[in-house]
Amino acid sequence: RKAAAALSSLSNKNTDEDDTKTSSKIKNIDPDALASAISRLEISSGVKGGAEPSEAEKRFNEKRRNEREAREARGRVKVDVGDVGLLVQELDLSKTKAKELLQAYEGNAVRAMRSFVTAAV
């Protein structure tokens, strides 16, 4: 019963049981909800927190750690105020979106503008 409750707490937006859509179901699972469900399953089954994680859990944790580090690294990139103004004026973006775009491209305004224009086409 506890396992069913933990699994049902995952927000799976796709309810279609078609096998061709299984991979898209896996991509739409919220990683935080999955981690919470796994921890509840471990608690209900009596597994201690010090137990060795499985290979799948190790890969999952490594992927989450890499994603978090990438987000943090983007936040540390210093961008020039003039470049933010250029993107706001030329691409009709808000200041925060322009800053995020520049941070994603390490402050390079030309690369940021090219990627924005290419993605929009």
N, C-alpha and C. Protein backbone atom coordinates (compact mmCIF):
# COMPACT_ATOMS: atom_id res chain seq x y z
N ARG A 1 0.82 -1.19 0.00
CA ARG A 1 0.00 0.00 0.00
C ARG A 1 0.87 1.26 0.00
N LYS A 2 1.94 1.26 0.81
CA LYS A 2 2.83 2.42 0.85
C LYS A 2 3.57 2.60 -0.46
N ALA A 3 3.95 1.49 -1.08
CA ALA A 3 4.64 1.57 -2.37
C ALA A 3 3.72 2.16 -3.43
N ALA A 4 2.47 1.76 -3.42
CA ALA A 4 1.50 2.30 -4.38
C ALA A 4 1.29 3.79 -4.16
N ALA A 5 1.24 4.21 -2.91
CA ALA A 5 1.07 5.63 -2.60
C ALA A 5 2.28 6.43 -3.07
N ALA A 6 3.47 5.87 -2.88
CA ALA A 6 4.68 6.56 -3.30
C ALA A 6 4.74 6.69 -4.81
N LEU A 7 4.39 5.64 -5.51
CA LEU A 7 4.43 5.68 -6.97
C LEU A 7 3.33 6.56 -7.54
N SER A 8 2.20 6.59 -6.88
CA SER A 8 1.11 7.42 -7.39
C SER A 8 1.39 8.90 -7.19
N SER A 9 2.31 9.23 -6.30
CA SER A 9 2.64 10.63 -6.08
C SER A 9 3.47 11.22 -7.21
N LEU A 10 4.03 10.35 -8.05
CA LEU A 10 4.78 10.86 -9.19
C LEU A 10 3.81 11.50 -10.17
N SER A 11 4.19 12.65 -10.66
CA SER A 11 3.30 13.33 -11.60
C SER A 11 3.63 12.89 -13.02
N ASN A 12 2.94 11.85 -13.47
CA ASN A 12 3.12 11.37 -14.83
C ASN A 12 2.00 11.93 -15.67
N LYS A 13 2.31 12.84 -16.54
CA LYS A 13 1.30 13.55 -17.32
C LYS A 13 0.68 12.68 -18.41
N ASN A 14 1.40 11.67 -18.85
CA ASN A 14 0.89 10.81 -19.92
C ASN A 14 0.26 9.57 -19.30
N THR A 15 -1.00 9.31 -19.61
CA THR A 15 -1.68 8.13 -19.09
C THR A 15 -1.89 7.08 -20.16
N ASP A 16 -1.47 7.36 -21.38
CA ASP A 16 -1.61 6.42 -22.47
C ASP A 16 -0.65 5.25 -22.25
N GLU A 17 -1.10 4.04 -22.45
CA GLU A 17 -0.31 2.85 -22.20
C GLU A 17 0.42 2.36 -23.45
N ASP A 18 0.50 3.15 -24.49
CA ASP A 18 1.15 2.75 -25.73
C ASP A 18 2.65 2.61 -25.49
N ASP A 19 3.25 1.51 -25.96
CA ASP A 19 4.67 1.27 -25.74
C ASP A 19 5.54 2.27 -26.47
N THR A 20 5.07 2.85 -27.55
CA THR A 20 5.88 3.82 -28.27
C THR A 20 6.04 5.11 -27.50
N LYS A 21 5.19 5.35 -26.53
CA LYS A 21 5.26 6.59 -25.74
C LYS A 21 5.92 6.38 -24.38
N THR A 22 6.48 5.20 -24.13
CA THR A 22 7.08 4.91 -22.84
C THR A 22 8.28 5.81 -22.59
N SER A 23 9.11 6.03 -23.61
CA SER A 23 10.28 6.87 -23.41
C SER A 23 9.90 8.30 -23.09
N SER A 24 8.81 8.82 -23.68
CA SER A 24 8.39 10.18 -23.36
C SER A 24 7.83 10.26 -21.95
N LYS A 25 7.23 9.17 -21.45
CA LYS A 25 6.75 9.15 -20.07
C LYS A 25 7.91 9.30 -19.11
N ILE A 26 9.00 8.60 -19.38
CA ILE A 26 10.16 8.63 -18.50
C ILE A 26 10.76 10.03 -18.49
N LYS A 27 10.78 10.71 -19.61
CA LYS A 27 11.35 12.05 -19.68
C LYS A 27 10.51 13.08 -18.93
N ASN A 28 9.21 12.84 -18.78
CA ASN A 28 8.32 13.82 -18.16
C ASN A 28 8.22 13.66 -16.65
N ILE A 29 8.92 12.71 -16.04
CA ILE A 29 8.83 12.50 -14.61
C ILE A 29 9.66 13.56 -13.90
N ASP A 30 9.09 14.15 -12.89
CA ASP A 30 9.77 15.16 -12.10
C ASP A 30 10.84 14.48 -11.25
N PRO A 31 12.13 14.88 -11.37
CA PRO A 31 13.19 14.19 -10.64
C PRO A 31 13.05 14.32 -9.11
N ASP A 32 12.55 15.45 -8.65
CA ASP A 32 12.38 15.61 -7.20
C ASP A 32 11.28 14.69 -6.68
N ALA A 33 10.20 14.54 -7.45
CA ALA A 33 9.12 13.65 -7.05
C ALA A 33 9.60 12.20 -7.05
N LEU A 34 10.45 11.86 -8.03
CA LEU A 34 10.99 10.51 -8.10
C LEU A 34 11.88 10.23 -6.90
N ALA A 35 12.75 11.16 -6.56
CA ALA A 35 13.63 10.97 -5.41
C ALA A 35 12.82 10.83 -4.13
N SER A 36 11.77 11.64 -4.00
CA SER A 36 10.91 11.56 -2.82
C SER A 36 10.21 10.21 -2.75
N ALA A 37 9.71 9.72 -3.90
CA ALA A 37 9.03 8.42 -3.92
C ALA A 37 9.99 7.30 -3.58
N ILE A 38 11.21 7.36 -4.09
CA ILE A 38 12.21 6.33 -3.80
C ILE A 38 12.55 6.32 -2.31
N SER A 39 12.70 7.51 -1.73
CA SER A 39 13.03 7.57 -0.30
C SER A 39 11.90 7.01 0.55
N ARG A 40 10.63 7.29 0.13
CA ARG A 40 9.50 6.72 0.87
C ARG A 40 9.44 5.21 0.73
N LEU A 41 9.79 4.70 -0.44
CA LEU A 41 9.82 3.25 -0.62
C LEU A 41 10.89 2.61 0.25
N GLU A 42 12.06 3.27 0.35
CA GLU A 42 13.13 2.74 1.18
C GLU A 42 12.71 2.71 2.64
N ILE A 43 12.04 3.75 3.08
CA ILE A 43 11.59 3.82 4.47
C ILE A 43 10.56 2.73 4.74
N SER A 44 9.60 2.56 3.82
CA SER A 44 8.54 1.58 4.05
C SER A 44 9.05 0.14 3.97
N SER A 45 10.13 -0.09 3.20
CA SER A 45 10.65 -1.44 3.09
C SER A 45 11.68 -1.74 4.18
N GLY A 46 12.02 -0.76 4.97
CA GLY A 46 12.96 -0.98 6.06
C GLY A 46 14.41 -0.86 5.65
N VAL A 47 14.69 -0.36 4.45
CA VAL A 47 16.06 -0.19 4.00
C VAL A 47 16.65 1.01 4.72
N LYS A 48 17.82 0.85 5.28
CA LYS A 48 18.48 1.93 6.00
C LYS A 48 19.10 2.91 5.01
N GLY A 49 19.27 4.14 5.44
CA GLY A 49 19.84 5.18 4.58
C GLY A 49 21.27 4.90 4.20
N GLY A 50 22.00 4.08 4.94
CA GLY A 50 23.39 3.80 4.66
C GLY A 50 23.59 2.68 3.67
N ALA A 51 22.54 2.11 3.14
CA ALA A 51 22.67 1.00 2.19
C ALA A 51 23.28 1.51 0.89
N GLU A 52 24.00 0.64 0.22
CA GLU A 52 24.65 0.97 -1.04
C GLU A 52 23.59 1.20 -2.12
N PRO A 53 23.61 2.36 -2.81
CA PRO A 53 22.61 2.61 -3.86
C PRO A 53 22.87 1.73 -5.08
N SER A 54 21.81 1.43 -5.81
CA SER A 54 21.94 0.62 -7.02
C SER A 54 22.59 1.44 -8.12
N GLU A 55 22.94 0.77 -9.21
CA GLU A 55 23.56 1.46 -10.34
C GLU A 55 22.62 2.51 -10.93
N ALA A 56 21.34 2.18 -11.02
CA ALA A 56 20.37 3.14 -11.57
C ALA A 56 20.29 4.38 -10.68
N GLU A 57 20.29 4.18 -9.37
CA GLU A 57 20.24 5.32 -8.45
C GLU A 57 21.51 6.16 -8.55
N LYS A 58 22.65 5.48 -8.74
CA LYS A 58 23.91 6.22 -8.89
C LYS A 58 23.88 7.08 -10.14
N ARG A 59 23.40 6.51 -11.27
CA ARG A 59 23.32 7.28 -12.51
C ARG A 59 22.35 8.44 -12.36
N PHE A 60 21.21 8.18 -11.72
CA PHE A 60 20.20 9.23 -11.51
C PHE A 60 20.78 10.36 -10.66
N ASN A 61 21.43 10.01 -9.57
CA ASN A 61 22.01 11.02 -8.69
C ASN A 61 23.11 11.80 -9.39
N GLU A 62 23.92 11.11 -10.21
CA GLU A 62 24.99 11.78 -10.95
C GLU A 62 24.40 12.77 -11.96
N LYS A 63 23.33 12.37 -12.63
CA LYS A 63 22.69 13.26 -13.61
C LYS A 63 22.13 14.50 -12.91
N ARG A 64 21.45 14.31 -11.78
CA ARG A 64 20.91 15.45 -11.03
C ARG A 64 22.02 16.38 -10.56
N ARG A 65 23.13 15.80 -10.10
CA ARG A 65 24.26 16.61 -9.62
C ARG A 65 24.84 17.42 -10.78
N ASN A 66 25.01 16.80 -11.94
CA ASN A 66 25.55 17.50 -13.10
C ASN A 66 24.63 18.62 -13.55
N GLU A 67 23.32 18.39 -13.56
CA GLU A 67 22.37 19.43 -13.95
C GLU A 67 22.42 20.60 -12.97
N ARG A 68 22.50 20.29 -11.68
CA ARG A 68 22.55 21.35 -10.67
C ARG A 68 23.83 22.17 -10.82
N GLU A 69 24.97 21.49 -11.05
CA GLU A 69 26.24 22.20 -11.23
C GLU A 69 26.21 23.08 -12.47
N ALA A 70 25.58 22.60 -13.54
CA ALA A 70 25.49 23.40 -14.76
C ALA A 70 24.65 24.65 -14.53
N ARG A 71 23.53 24.51 -13.78
CA ARG A 71 22.71 25.69 -13.47
C ARG A 71 23.49 26.68 -12.62
N GLU A 72 24.24 26.18 -11.65
CA GLU A 72 25.00 27.07 -10.78
C GLU A 72 26.11 27.76 -11.56
N ALA A 73 26.76 27.04 -12.48
CA ALA A 73 27.83 27.62 -13.28
C ALA A 73 27.30 28.73 -14.17
N ARG A 74 26.10 28.54 -14.75
CA ARG A 74 25.52 29.58 -15.58
C ARG A 74 25.23 30.83 -14.76
N GLY A 75 24.86 30.65 -13.51
CA GLY A 75 24.55 31.79 -12.65
C GLY A 75 25.78 32.58 -12.26
N ARG A 76 26.96 31.97 -12.34
CA ARG A 76 28.19 32.66 -11.94
C ARG A 76 28.83 33.45 -13.06
N VAL A 77 28.34 33.32 -14.29
CA VAL A 77 28.93 34.03 -15.43
C VAL A 77 28.58 35.51 -15.32
N LYS A 78 29.61 36.34 -15.39
CA LYS A 78 29.41 37.78 -15.36
C LYS A 78 29.09 38.25 -16.77
N VAL A 79 28.04 39.06 -16.89
CA VAL A 79 27.66 39.58 -18.20
C VAL A 79 27.75 41.10 -18.17
N ASP A 80 28.08 41.66 -19.31
CA ASP A 80 28.20 43.11 -19.45
C ASP A 80 26.81 43.73 -19.57
N VAL A 81 26.59 44.83 -18.85
CA VAL A 81 25.30 45.51 -18.87
C VAL A 81 24.97 45.99 -20.28
N GLY A 82 25.99 46.41 -21.03
CA GLY A 82 25.78 46.86 -22.41
C GLY A 82 25.28 45.73 -23.30
N ASP A 83 25.79 44.51 -23.07
CA ASP A 83 25.33 43.36 -23.85
C ASP A 83 23.88 43.03 -23.52
N VAL A 84 23.52 43.15 -22.24
CA VAL A 84 22.13 42.91 -21.85
C VAL A 84 21.23 43.92 -22.55
N GLY A 85 21.64 45.18 -22.55
CA GLY A 85 20.87 46.23 -23.23
C GLY A 85 20.74 45.98 -24.73
N LEU A 86 21.81 45.48 -25.33
CA LEU A 86 21.78 45.17 -26.76
C LEU A 86 20.75 44.08 -27.06
N LEU A 87 20.75 43.02 -26.28
CA LEU A 87 19.79 41.94 -26.49
C LEU A 87 18.36 42.40 -26.22
N VAL A 88 18.18 43.23 -25.21
CA VAL A 88 16.84 43.74 -24.89
C VAL A 88 16.33 44.56 -26.06
N GLN A 89 17.19 45.41 -26.61
CA GLN A 89 16.77 46.30 -27.70
C GLN A 89 16.58 45.54 -29.01
N GLU A 90 17.51 44.69 -29.37
CA GLU A 90 17.48 44.05 -30.68
C GLU A 90 16.57 42.83 -30.74
N LEU A 91 16.48 42.08 -29.66
CA LEU A 91 15.69 40.84 -29.68
C LEU A 91 14.36 40.99 -28.98
N ASP A 92 14.09 42.17 -28.43
CA ASP A 92 12.83 42.45 -27.74
C ASP A 92 12.60 41.46 -26.59
N LEU A 93 13.62 41.32 -25.74
CA LEU A 93 13.56 40.44 -24.58
C LEU A 93 13.49 41.27 -23.31
N SER A 94 13.06 40.62 -22.23
CA SER A 94 13.14 41.29 -20.93
C SER A 94 14.60 41.24 -20.47
N LYS A 95 14.94 42.06 -19.49
CA LYS A 95 16.32 42.09 -19.00
C LYS A 95 16.72 40.75 -18.40
N THR A 96 15.81 40.12 -17.67
CA THR A 96 16.17 38.84 -17.05
C THR A 96 16.38 37.75 -18.10
N LYS A 97 15.53 37.72 -19.13
CA LYS A 97 15.70 36.72 -20.20
C LYS A 97 16.99 36.97 -20.97
N ALA A 98 17.30 38.24 -21.22
CA ALA A 98 18.53 38.58 -21.92
C ALA A 98 19.75 38.17 -21.09
N LYS A 99 19.69 38.40 -19.79
CA LYS A 99 20.80 38.02 -18.92
C LYS A 99 20.96 36.50 -18.88
N GLU A 100 19.84 35.76 -18.79
CA GLU A 100 19.91 34.30 -18.79
C GLU A 100 20.49 33.77 -20.10
N LEU A 101 20.09 34.38 -21.22
CA LEU A 101 20.61 33.96 -22.51
C LEU A 101 22.11 34.21 -22.60
N LEU A 102 22.55 35.36 -22.14
CA LEU A 102 23.99 35.66 -22.14
C LEU A 102 24.75 34.72 -21.21
N GLN A 103 24.19 34.41 -20.06
CA GLN A 103 24.86 33.49 -19.14
C GLN A 103 24.97 32.10 -19.74
N ALA A 104 23.97 31.69 -20.51
CA ALA A 104 24.02 30.37 -21.14
C ALA A 104 25.13 30.29 -22.18
N TYR A 105 25.48 31.44 -22.77
CA TYR A 105 26.53 31.48 -23.78
C TYR A 105 27.77 32.20 -23.26
N GLU A 106 27.99 32.11 -21.96
CA GLU A 106 29.19 32.60 -21.28
C GLU A 106 29.50 34.06 -21.58
N GLY A 107 28.44 34.88 -21.71
CA GLY A 107 28.61 36.31 -21.91
C GLY A 107 28.89 36.72 -23.34
N ASN A 108 28.90 35.78 -24.28
CA ASN A 108 29.17 36.09 -25.68
C ASN A 108 27.87 36.52 -26.35
N ALA A 109 27.76 37.83 -26.62
CA ALA A 109 26.53 38.39 -27.17
C ALA A 109 26.25 37.89 -28.59
N VAL A 110 27.28 37.73 -29.39
CA VAL A 110 27.09 37.28 -30.77
C VAL A 110 26.54 35.86 -30.80
N ARG A 111 27.12 34.97 -30.02
CA ARG A 111 26.64 33.59 -29.97
C ARG A 111 25.22 33.53 -29.42
N ALA A 112 24.94 34.34 -28.41
CA ALA A 112 23.60 34.36 -27.81
C ALA A 112 22.56 34.83 -28.82
N MET A 113 22.87 35.88 -29.57
CA MET A 113 21.93 36.39 -30.56
C MET A 113 21.73 35.39 -31.70
N ARG A 114 22.82 34.76 -32.14
CA ARG A 114 22.71 33.75 -33.21
C ARG A 114 21.83 32.59 -32.77
N SER A 115 22.04 32.12 -31.56
CA SER A 115 21.25 30.97 -31.09
C SER A 115 19.77 31.35 -30.94
N PHE A 116 19.50 32.56 -30.49
CA PHE A 116 18.12 33.01 -30.33
C PHE A 116 17.42 33.10 -31.69
N VAL A 117 18.10 33.69 -32.66
CA VAL A 117 17.54 33.86 -33.99
C VAL A 117 17.37 32.50 -34.67
N THR A 118 18.35 31.62 -34.53
CA THR A 118 18.30 30.30 -35.15
C THR A 118 17.18 29.47 -34.52
N ALA A 119 17.01 29.53 -33.22
CA ALA A 119 15.97 28.76 -32.54
C ALA A 119 14.58 29.28 -32.91
N ALA A 120 14.46 30.56 -33.19
CA ALA A 120 13.16 31.15 -33.50
C ALA A 120 12.72 30.82 -34.91
N VAL A 121 13.64 30.48 -35.80
CA VAL A 121 13.29 30.21 -37.20
C VAL A 121 12.81 28.83 -37.37
